[in-house]
Amino acid sequence: MDNSNLQIDKMLVLSTAHIMQETCEFLESRSCPLIVYPKHEYGYIILVYTDTEDDDKCDVIPECLKGLLEFAARQDCEWIMLDRDASICAELPSYEW
């Protein structure tokens, strides 16, 4: 099998503790402009959005989520998986809820 044309993307796995509870409601709402896949009740898989030219989209994204998207982009990741059982990163803010 020739695997030379396969695309493989990096995914950053972080705890849902890095977002506020209200951000979960945003991720599940129709007003969320991001590509988000719910992981049942365990978290979310989110496409890393880096187009800061679209101010309308950026304006509605909660600050805690913007920070994660920026952090993931700096790690050269295309996706973020937020999971309630994943590790907490000491470099990022975390929230109890």
PDB file of N, CA and C in Angstrom:
ATOM      1  N   MET A   1       0.839  -1.186   0.000  1.00  0.00           N
ATOM      2  CA  MET A   1       0.000   0.000   0.000  1.00  0.00           C
ATOM      3  C   MET A   1       0.881   1.246   0.000  1.00  0.00           C
ATOM      4  N   ASP A   2       0.580   2.174  -0.897  1.00  0.00           N
ATOM      5  CA  ASP A   2       1.339   3.420  -0.991  1.00  0.00           C
ATOM      6  C   ASP A   2       0.684   4.467  -0.090  1.00  0.00           C
ATOM      7  N   ASN A   3       1.366   4.829   0.986  1.00  0.00           N
ATOM      8  CA  ASN A   3       0.832   5.798   1.954  1.00  0.00           C
ATOM      9  C   ASN A   3       1.397   7.199   1.741  1.00  0.00           C
ATOM     10  N   SER A   4       2.089   7.431   0.655  1.00  0.00           N
ATOM     11  CA  SER A   4       2.776   8.704   0.459  1.00  0.00           C
ATOM     12  C   SER A   4       1.834   9.888   0.289  1.00  0.00           C
ATOM     13  N   ASN A   5       0.584   9.656  -0.065  1.00  0.00           N
ATOM     14  CA  ASN A   5      -0.339  10.781  -0.261  1.00  0.00           C
ATOM     15  C   ASN A   5      -1.360  10.908   0.866  1.00  0.00           C
ATOM     16  N   LEU A   6      -1.134  10.238   1.986  1.00  0.00           N
ATOM     17  CA  LEU A   6      -2.048  10.350   3.119  1.00  0.00           C
ATOM     18  C   LEU A   6      -1.807  11.651   3.871  1.00  0.00           C
ATOM     19  N   GLN A   7      -2.877  12.289   4.282  1.00  0.00           N
ATOM     20  CA  GLN A   7      -2.759  13.485   5.126  1.00  0.00           C
ATOM     21  C   GLN A   7      -2.951  13.060   6.571  1.00  0.00           C
ATOM     22  N   ILE A   8      -2.016  13.424   7.413  1.00  0.00           N
ATOM     23  CA  ILE A   8      -2.097  13.113   8.834  1.00  0.00           C
ATOM     24  C   ILE A   8      -1.994  14.427   9.595  1.00  0.00           C
ATOM     25  N   ASP A   9      -3.010  14.721  10.399  1.00  0.00           N
ATOM     26  CA  ASP A   9      -3.068  15.979  11.144  1.00  0.00           C
ATOM     27  C   ASP A   9      -2.705  15.752  12.612  1.00  0.00           C
ATOM     28  N   LYS A  10      -2.122  16.791  13.237  1.00  0.00           N
ATOM     29  CA  LYS A  10      -1.805  16.753  14.663  1.00  0.00           C
ATOM     30  C   LYS A  10      -3.015  17.221  15.468  1.00  0.00           C
ATOM     31  N   MET A  11      -3.244  16.539  16.593  1.00  0.00           N
ATOM     32  CA  MET A  11      -4.343  16.905  17.493  1.00  0.00           C
ATOM     33  C   MET A  11      -3.769  17.119  18.893  1.00  0.00           C
ATOM     34  N   LEU A  12      -4.060  18.277  19.458  1.00  0.00           N
ATOM     35  CA  LEU A  12      -3.670  18.594  20.827  1.00  0.00           C
ATOM     36  C   LEU A  12      -4.788  18.122  21.754  1.00  0.00           C
ATOM     37  N   VAL A  13      -4.437  17.326  22.756  1.00  0.00           N
ATOM     38  CA  VAL A  13      -5.423  16.800  23.699  1.00  0.00           C
ATOM     39  C   VAL A  13      -5.265  17.542  25.024  1.00  0.00           C
ATOM     40  N   LEU A  14      -6.347  18.196  25.451  1.00  0.00           N
ATOM     41  CA  LEU A  14      -6.350  18.985  26.688  1.00  0.00           C
ATOM     42  C   LEU A  14      -7.594  18.679  27.506  1.00  0.00           C
ATOM     43  N   SER A  15      -7.527  18.995  28.764  1.00  0.00           N
ATOM     44  CA  SER A  15      -8.669  18.830  29.657  1.00  0.00           C
ATOM     45  C   SER A  15      -9.748  19.881  29.374  1.00  0.00           C
ATOM     46  N   THR A  16     -10.991  19.498  29.563  1.00  0.00           N
ATOM     47  CA  THR A  16     -12.084  20.471  29.472  1.00  0.00           C
ATOM     48  C   THR A  16     -11.987  21.514  30.591  1.00  0.00           C
ATOM     49  N   ALA A  17     -11.118  21.284  31.556  1.00  0.00           N
ATOM     50  CA  ALA A  17     -10.905  22.270  32.626  1.00  0.00           C
ATOM     51  C   ALA A  17     -10.315  23.562  32.082  1.00  0.00           C
ATOM     52  N   HIS A  18      -9.829  23.546  30.842  1.00  0.00           N
ATOM     53  CA  HIS A  18      -9.255  24.750  30.243  1.00  0.00           C
ATOM     54  C   HIS A  18     -10.295  25.663  29.609  1.00  0.00           C
ATOM     55  N   ILE A  19     -11.564  25.289  29.684  1.00  0.00           N
ATOM     56  CA  ILE A  19     -12.634  26.183  29.224  1.00  0.00           C
ATOM     57  C   ILE A  19     -13.641  26.361  30.355  1.00  0.00           C
ATOM     58  N   MET A  20     -14.350  27.480  30.319  1.00  0.00           N
ATOM     59  CA  MET A  20     -15.399  27.733  31.305  1.00  0.00           C
ATOM     60  C   MET A  20     -16.642  26.925  30.931  1.00  0.00           C
ATOM     61  N   GLN A  21     -17.480  26.664  31.904  1.00  0.00           N
ATOM     62  CA  GLN A  21     -18.699  25.892  31.657  1.00  0.00           C
ATOM     63  C   GLN A  21     -19.573  26.566  30.600  1.00  0.00           C
ATOM     64  N   GLU A  22     -19.628  27.890  30.618  1.00  0.00           N
ATOM     65  CA  GLU A  22     -20.414  28.618  29.628  1.00  0.00           C
ATOM     66  C   GLU A  22     -19.896  28.383  28.211  1.00  0.00           C
ATOM     67  N   THR A  23     -18.607  28.111  28.096  1.00  0.00           N
ATOM     68  CA  THR A  23     -18.015  27.856  26.786  1.00  0.00           C
ATOM     69  C   THR A  23     -18.550  26.547  26.209  1.00  0.00           C
ATOM     70  N   CYS A  24     -18.855  25.574  27.050  1.00  0.00           N
ATOM     71  CA  CYS A  24     -19.477  24.329  26.575  1.00  0.00           C
ATOM     72  C   CYS A  24     -20.813  24.644  25.911  1.00  0.00           C
ATOM     73  N   GLU A  25     -21.590  25.505  26.536  1.00  0.00           N
ATOM     74  CA  GLU A  25     -22.879  25.899  25.954  1.00  0.00           C
ATOM     75  C   GLU A  25     -22.662  26.589  24.610  1.00  0.00           C
ATOM     76  N   PHE A  26     -21.635  27.430  24.512  1.00  0.00           N
ATOM     77  CA  PHE A  26     -21.311  28.101  23.255  1.00  0.00           C
ATOM     78  C   PHE A  26     -20.942  27.075  22.181  1.00  0.00           C
ATOM     79  N   LEU A  27     -20.100  26.094  22.540  1.00  0.00           N
ATOM     80  CA  LEU A  27     -19.665  25.087  21.566  1.00  0.00           C
ATOM     81  C   LEU A  27     -20.845  24.252  21.047  1.00  0.00           C
ATOM     82  N   GLU A  28     -21.889  24.122  21.846  1.00  0.00           N
ATOM     83  CA  GLU A  28     -23.056  23.329  21.461  1.00  0.00           C
ATOM     84  C   GLU A  28     -24.148  24.168  20.807  1.00  0.00           C
ATOM     85  N   SER A  29     -23.949  25.473  20.735  1.00  0.00           N
ATOM     86  CA  SER A  29     -24.982  26.362  20.199  1.00  0.00           C
ATOM     87  C   SER A  29     -24.847  26.533  18.695  1.00  0.00           C
ATOM     88  N   ARG A  30     -25.916  26.972  18.088  1.00  0.00           N
ATOM     89  CA  ARG A  30     -25.912  27.239  16.649  1.00  0.00           C
ATOM     90  C   ARG A  30     -25.119  28.496  16.321  1.00  0.00           C
ATOM     91  N   SER A  31     -24.866  29.344  17.303  1.00  0.00           N
ATOM     92  CA  SER A  31     -24.122  30.580  17.055  1.00  0.00           C
ATOM     93  C   SER A  31     -22.611  30.357  17.023  1.00  0.00           C
ATOM     94  N   CYS A  32     -22.155  29.150  17.341  1.00  0.00           N
ATOM     95  CA  CYS A  32     -20.716  28.849  17.321  1.00  0.00           C
ATOM     96  C   CYS A  32     -20.250  28.745  15.874  1.00  0.00           C
ATOM     97  N   PRO A  33     -19.317  29.610  15.458  1.00  0.00           N
ATOM     98  CA  PRO A  33     -18.863  29.610  14.065  1.00  0.00           C
ATOM     99  C   PRO A  33     -17.762  28.587  13.771  1.00  0.00           C
ATOM    100  N   LEU A  34     -17.351  27.827  14.777  1.00  0.00           N
ATOM    101  CA  LEU A  34     -16.263  26.865  14.615  1.00  0.00           C
ATOM    102  C   LEU A  34     -16.789  25.500  14.182  1.00  0.00           C
ATOM    103  N   ILE A  35     -15.892  24.681  13.648  1.00  0.00           N
ATOM    104  CA  ILE A  35     -16.234  23.293  13.356  1.00  0.00           C
ATOM    105  C   ILE A  35     -15.961  22.500  14.629  1.00  0.00           C
ATOM    106  N   VAL A  36     -17.045  21.971  15.217  1.00  0.00           N
ATOM    107  CA  VAL A  36     -16.975  21.300  16.514  1.00  0.00           C
ATOM    108  C   VAL A  36     -17.710  19.967  16.425  1.00  0.00           C
ATOM    109  N   TYR A  37     -17.083  18.932  16.945  1.00  0.00           N
ATOM    110  CA  TYR A  37     -17.709  17.615  17.038  1.00  0.00           C
ATOM    111  C   TYR A  37     -17.804  17.243  18.512  1.00  0.00           C
ATOM    112  N   PRO A  38     -19.009  17.081  19.043  1.00  0.00           N
ATOM    113  CA  PRO A  38     -19.134  16.665  20.446  1.00  0.00           C
ATOM    114  C   PRO A  38     -18.596  15.248  20.648  1.00  0.00           C
ATOM    115  N   LYS A  39     -17.973  15.032  21.769  1.00  0.00           N
ATOM    116  CA  LYS A  39     -17.475  13.708  22.165  1.00  0.00           C
ATOM    117  C   LYS A  39     -18.383  13.168  23.259  1.00  0.00           C
ATOM    118  N   HIS A  40     -19.631  12.948  22.925  1.00  0.00           N
ATOM    119  CA  HIS A  40     -20.656  12.559  23.888  1.00  0.00           C
ATOM    120  C   HIS A  40     -20.619  13.555  25.046  1.00  0.00           C
ATOM    121  N   GLU A  41     -20.663  13.076  26.283  1.00  0.00           N
ATOM    122  CA  GLU A  41     -20.608  14.007  27.407  1.00  0.00           C
ATOM    123  C   GLU A  41     -19.175  14.229  27.889  1.00  0.00           C
ATOM    124  N   TYR A  42     -18.193  13.717  27.136  1.00  0.00           N
ATOM    125  CA  TYR A  42     -16.806  13.759  27.587  1.00  0.00           C
ATOM    126  C   TYR A  42     -16.021  14.964  27.100  1.00  0.00           C
ATOM    127  N   GLY A  43     -16.500  15.670  26.067  1.00  0.00           N
ATOM    128  CA  GLY A  43     -15.737  16.798  25.563  1.00  0.00           C
ATOM    129  C   GLY A  43     -16.054  17.128  24.117  1.00  0.00           C
ATOM    130  N   TYR A  44     -15.054  17.651  23.404  1.00  0.00           N
ATOM    131  CA  TYR A  44     -15.255  18.152  22.045  1.00  0.00           C
ATOM    132  C   TYR A  44     -13.991  17.949  21.224  1.00  0.00           C
ATOM    133  N   ILE A  45     -14.176  17.848  19.922  1.00  0.00           N
ATOM    134  CA  ILE A  45     -13.076  17.898  18.971  1.00  0.00           C
ATOM    135  C   ILE A  45     -13.317  19.142  18.126  1.00  0.00           C
ATOM    136  N   ILE A  46     -12.335  20.025  18.075  1.00  0.00           N
ATOM    137  CA  ILE A  46     -12.504  21.349  17.468  1.00  0.00           C
ATOM    138  C   ILE A  46     -11.409  21.579  16.430  1.00  0.00           C
ATOM    139  N   LEU A  47     -11.805  22.020  15.248  1.00  0.00           N
ATOM    140  CA  LEU A  47     -10.835  22.413  14.237  1.00  0.00           C
ATOM    141  C   LEU A  47     -10.184  23.717  14.679  1.00  0.00           C
ATOM    142  N   VAL A  48      -8.868  23.765  14.624  1.00  0.00           N
ATOM    143  CA  VAL A  48      -8.153  24.968  15.050  1.00  0.00           C
ATOM    144  C   VAL A  48      -8.365  26.057  14.007  1.00  0.00           C
ATOM    145  N   TYR A  49      -9.023  27.099  14.440  1.00  0.00           N
ATOM    146  CA  TYR A  49      -9.359  28.245  13.598  1.00  0.00           C
ATOM    147  C   TYR A  49      -8.306  29.317  13.812  1.00  0.00           C
ATOM    148  N   THR A  50      -7.634  29.718  12.738  1.00  0.00           N
ATOM    149  CA  THR A  50      -6.551  30.698  12.886  1.00  0.00           C
ATOM    150  C   THR A  50      -6.732  31.920  12.002  1.00  0.00           C
ATOM    151  N   ASP A  51      -7.858  32.058  11.330  1.00  0.00           N
ATOM    152  CA  ASP A  51      -8.077  33.196  10.426  1.00  0.00           C
ATOM    153  C   ASP A  51      -8.549  34.403  11.227  1.00  0.00           C
ATOM    154  N   THR A  52      -7.607  35.186  11.701  1.00  0.00           N
ATOM    155  CA  THR A  52      -7.955  36.348  12.516  1.00  0.00           C
ATOM    156  C   THR A  52      -8.459  37.508  11.668  1.00  0.00           C
ATOM    157  N   GLU A  53      -8.472  37.336  10.346  1.00  0.00           N
ATOM    158  CA  GLU A  53      -8.990  38.378   9.461  1.00  0.00           C
ATOM    159  C   GLU A  53     -10.504  38.523   9.606  1.00  0.00           C
ATOM    160  N   ASP A  54     -11.168  37.445   9.974  1.00  0.00           N
ATOM    161  CA  ASP A  54     -12.628  37.433  10.085  1.00  0.00           C
ATOM    162  C   ASP A  54     -13.017  37.880  11.491  1.00  0.00           C
ATOM    163  N   ASP A  55     -13.051  39.195  11.711  1.00  0.00           N
ATOM    164  CA  ASP A  55     -13.312  39.751  13.034  1.00  0.00           C
ATOM    165  C   ASP A  55     -14.670  39.351  13.584  1.00  0.00           C
ATOM    166  N   ASP A  56     -15.681  39.221  12.725  1.00  0.00           N
ATOM    167  CA  ASP A  56     -17.010  38.836  13.200  1.00  0.00           C
ATOM    168  C   ASP A  56     -16.972  37.473  13.875  1.00  0.00           C
ATOM    169  N   LYS A  57     -16.240  36.553  13.293  1.00  0.00           N
ATOM    170  CA  LYS A  57     -16.139  35.209  13.868  1.00  0.00           C
ATOM    171  C   LYS A  57     -15.342  35.262  15.168  1.00  0.00           C
ATOM    172  N   CYS A  58     -14.242  35.993  15.166  1.00  0.00           N
ATOM    173  CA  CYS A  58     -13.389  36.074  16.352  1.00  0.00           C
ATOM    174  C   CYS A  58     -14.084  36.760  17.520  1.00  0.00           C
ATOM    175  N   ASP A  59     -14.925  37.712  17.236  1.00  0.00           N
ATOM    176  CA  ASP A  59     -15.595  38.471  18.291  1.00  0.00           C
ATOM    177  C   ASP A  59     -16.501  37.615  19.161  1.00  0.00           C
ATOM    178  N   VAL A  60     -17.068  36.552  18.612  1.00  0.00           N
ATOM    179  CA  VAL A  60     -18.020  35.750  19.383  1.00  0.00           C
ATOM    180  C   VAL A  60     -17.358  34.583  20.114  1.00  0.00           C
ATOM    181  N   ILE A  61     -16.118  34.279  19.803  1.00  0.00           N
ATOM    182  CA  ILE A  61     -15.435  33.160  20.445  1.00  0.00           C
ATOM    183  C   ILE A  61     -15.003  33.581  21.853  1.00  0.00           C
ATOM    184  N   PRO A  62     -15.390  32.804  22.886  1.00  0.00           N
ATOM    185  CA  PRO A  62     -14.981  33.144  24.258  1.00  0.00           C
ATOM    186  C   PRO A  62     -13.459  33.208  24.398  1.00  0.00           C
ATOM    187  N   GLU A  63     -12.995  34.110  25.240  1.00  0.00           N
ATOM    188  CA  GLU A  63     -11.559  34.342  25.415  1.00  0.00           C
ATOM    189  C   GLU A  63     -10.816  33.069  25.813  1.00  0.00           C
ATOM    190  N   CYS A  64     -11.399  32.257  26.695  1.00  0.00           N
ATOM    191  CA  CYS A  64     -10.695  31.035  27.122  1.00  0.00           C
ATOM    192  C   CYS A  64     -10.483  30.096  25.935  1.00  0.00           C
ATOM    193  N   LEU A  65     -11.421  30.059  25.008  1.00  0.00           N
ATOM    194  CA  LEU A  65     -11.293  29.209  23.826  1.00  0.00           C
ATOM    195  C   LEU A  65     -10.323  29.812  22.816  1.00  0.00           C
ATOM    196  N   LYS A  66     -10.335  31.135  22.679  1.00  0.00           N
ATOM    197  CA  LYS A  66      -9.367  31.794  21.794  1.00  0.00           C
ATOM    198  C   LYS A  66      -7.941  31.456  22.223  1.00  0.00           C
ATOM    199  N   GLY A  67      -7.705  31.473  23.521  1.00  0.00           N
ATOM    200  CA  GLY A  67      -6.372  31.150  24.035  1.00  0.00           C
ATOM    201  C   GLY A  67      -5.952  29.734  23.681  1.00  0.00           C
ATOM    202  N   LEU A  68      -6.882  28.781  23.745  1.00  0.00           N
ATOM    203  CA  LEU A  68      -6.572  27.399  23.400  1.00  0.00           C
ATOM    204  C   LEU A  68      -6.290  27.260  21.910  1.00  0.00           C
ATOM    205  N   LEU A  69      -7.079  27.954  21.086  1.00  0.00           N
ATOM    206  CA  LEU A  69      -6.873  27.907  19.636  1.00  0.00           C
ATOM    207  C   LEU A  69      -5.507  28.473  19.271  1.00  0.00           C
ATOM    208  N   GLU A  70      -5.134  29.586  19.905  1.00  0.00           N
ATOM    209  CA  GLU A  70      -3.831  30.195  19.646  1.00  0.00           C
ATOM    210  C   GLU A  70      -2.692  29.282  20.120  1.00  0.00           C
ATOM    211  N   PHE A  71      -2.877  28.679  21.285  1.00  0.00           N
ATOM    212  CA  PHE A  71      -1.873  27.767  21.828  1.00  0.00           C
ATOM    213  C   PHE A  71      -1.697  26.563  20.901  1.00  0.00           C
ATOM    214  N   ALA A  72      -2.794  25.979  20.443  1.00  0.00           N
ATOM    215  CA  ALA A  72      -2.737  24.824  19.537  1.00  0.00           C
ATOM    216  C   ALA A  72      -2.059  25.195  18.224  1.00  0.00           C
ATOM    217  N   ALA A  73      -2.357  26.380  17.707  1.00  0.00           N
ATOM    218  CA  ALA A  73      -1.731  26.826  16.455  1.00  0.00           C
ATOM    219  C   ALA A  73      -0.224  26.965  16.640  1.00  0.00           C
ATOM    220  N   ARG A  74       0.219  27.475  17.790  1.00  0.00           N
ATOM    221  CA  ARG A  74       1.660  27.595  18.067  1.00  0.00           C
ATOM    222  C   ARG A  74       2.327  26.223  18.158  1.00  0.00           C
ATOM    223  N   GLN A  75       1.563  25.200  18.516  1.00  0.00           N
ATOM    224  CA  GLN A  75       2.085  23.827  18.594  1.00  0.00           C
ATOM    225  C   GLN A  75       1.978  23.122  17.242  1.00  0.00           C
ATOM    226  N   ASP A  76       1.521  23.866  16.235  1.00  0.00           N
ATOM    227  CA  ASP A  76       1.349  23.335  14.880  1.00  0.00           C
ATOM    228  C   ASP A  76       0.315  22.210  14.823  1.00  0.00           C
ATOM    229  N   CYS A  77      -0.765  22.377  15.595  1.00  0.00           N
ATOM    230  CA  CYS A  77      -1.850  21.392  15.631  1.00  0.00           C
ATOM    231  C   CYS A  77      -3.033  21.896  14.813  1.00  0.00           C
ATOM    232  N   GLU A  78      -3.678  20.982  14.126  1.00  0.00           N
ATOM    233  CA  GLU A  78      -4.858  21.318  13.322  1.00  0.00           C
ATOM    234  C   GLU A  78      -6.152  21.116  14.103  1.00  0.00           C
ATOM    235  N   TRP A  79      -6.094  20.304  15.144  1.00  0.00           N
ATOM    236  CA  TRP A  79      -7.286  19.963  15.936  1.00  0.00           C
ATOM    237  C   TRP A  79      -6.982  20.068  17.421  1.00  0.00           C
ATOM    238  N   ILE A  80      -8.031  20.336  18.212  1.00  0.00           N
ATOM    239  CA  ILE A  80      -7.965  20.245  19.672  1.00  0.00           C
ATOM    240  C   ILE A  80      -9.012  19.232  20.101  1.00  0.00           C
ATOM    241  N   MET A  81      -8.613  18.308  20.950  1.00  0.00           N
ATOM    242  CA  MET A  81      -9.577  17.438  21.597  1.00  0.00           C
ATOM    243  C   MET A  81      -9.651  17.855  23.061  1.00  0.00           C
ATOM    244  N   LEU A  82     -10.817  18.306  23.470  1.00  0.00           N
ATOM    245  CA  LEU A  82     -11.043  18.620  24.875  1.00  0.00           C
ATOM    246  C   LEU A  82     -11.743  17.413  25.487  1.00  0.00           C
ATOM    247  N   ASP A  83     -11.156  16.862  26.535  1.00  0.00           N
ATOM    248  CA  ASP A  83     -11.690  15.659  27.167  1.00  0.00           C
ATOM    249  C   ASP A  83     -11.636  15.847  28.673  1.00  0.00           C
ATOM    250  N   ARG A  84     -12.691  15.469  29.348  1.00  0.00           N
ATOM    251  CA  ARG A  84     -12.728  15.684  30.791  1.00  0.00           C
ATOM    252  C   ARG A  84     -11.660  14.890  31.537  1.00  0.00           C
ATOM    253  N   ASP A  85     -11.152  13.813  30.936  1.00  0.00           N
ATOM    254  CA  ASP A  85     -10.142  12.993  31.594  1.00  0.00           C
ATOM    255  C   ASP A  85      -8.715  13.291  31.132  1.00  0.00           C
ATOM    256  N   ALA A  86      -8.544  14.245  30.230  1.00  0.00           N
ATOM    257  CA  ALA A  86      -7.211  14.580  29.732  1.00  0.00           C
ATOM    258  C   ALA A  86      -6.442  15.403  30.769  1.00  0.00           C
ATOM    259  N   SER A  87      -5.154  15.491  30.558  1.00  0.00           N
ATOM    260  CA  SER A  87      -4.285  16.221  31.481  1.00  0.00           C
ATOM    261  C   SER A  87      -4.506  17.733  31.381  1.00  0.00           C
ATOM    262  N   ILE A  88      -4.233  18.404  32.481  1.00  0.00           N
ATOM    263  CA  ILE A  88      -4.274  19.860  32.535  1.00  0.00           C
ATOM    264  C   ILE A  88      -2.869  20.374  32.229  1.00  0.00           C
ATOM    265  N   CYS A  89      -2.783  21.324  31.327  1.00  0.00           N
ATOM    266  CA  CYS A  89      -1.505  21.922  30.935  1.00  0.00           C
ATOM    267  C   CYS A  89      -1.216  23.106  31.854  1.00  0.00           C
ATOM    268  N   ALA A  90      -0.079  23.075  32.527  1.00  0.00           N
ATOM    269  CA  ALA A  90       0.282  24.130  33.478  1.00  0.00           C
ATOM    270  C   ALA A  90       0.460  25.489  32.809  1.00  0.00           C
ATOM    271  N   GLU A  91       0.721  25.519  31.509  1.00  0.00           N
ATOM    272  CA  GLU A  91       0.931  26.781  30.793  1.00  0.00           C
ATOM    273  C   GLU A  91      -0.378  27.526  30.505  1.00  0.00           C
ATOM    274  N   LEU A  92      -1.504  26.842  30.659  1.00  0.00           N
ATOM    275  CA  LEU A  92      -2.793  27.429  30.294  1.00  0.00           C
ATOM    276  C   LEU A  92      -3.672  27.642  31.514  1.00  0.00           C
ATOM    277  N   PRO A  93      -4.535  28.661  31.472  1.00  0.00           N
ATOM    278  CA  PRO A  93      -5.479  28.837  32.580  1.00  0.00           C
ATOM    279  C   PRO A  93      -6.418  27.643  32.659  1.00  0.00           C
ATOM    280  N   SER A  94      -6.877  27.334  33.859  1.00  0.00           N
ATOM    281  CA  SER A  94      -7.875  26.281  34.037  1.00  0.00           C
ATOM    282  C   SER A  94      -8.968  26.808  34.968  1.00  0.00           C
ATOM    283  N   TYR A  95     -10.129  26.171  34.873  1.00  0.00           N
ATOM    284  CA  TYR A  95     -11.327  26.640  35.586  1.00  0.00           C
ATOM    285  C   TYR A  95     -11.988  25.448  36.268  1.00  0.00           C
ATOM    286  N   GLU A  96     -12.500  25.680  37.470  1.00  0.00           N
ATOM    287  CA  GLU A  96     -13.247  24.636  38.179  1.00  0.00           C
ATOM    288  C   GLU A  96     -14.723  24.828  37.932  1.00  0.00           C
ATOM    289  N   TRP A  97     -15.383  23.742  37.555  1.00  0.00           N
ATOM    290  CA  TRP A  97     -16.835  23.801  37.382  1.00  0.00           C
ATOM    291  C   TRP A  97     -17.474  22.469  37.502  1.00  0.00           C
TER     292      TRP A  97
END
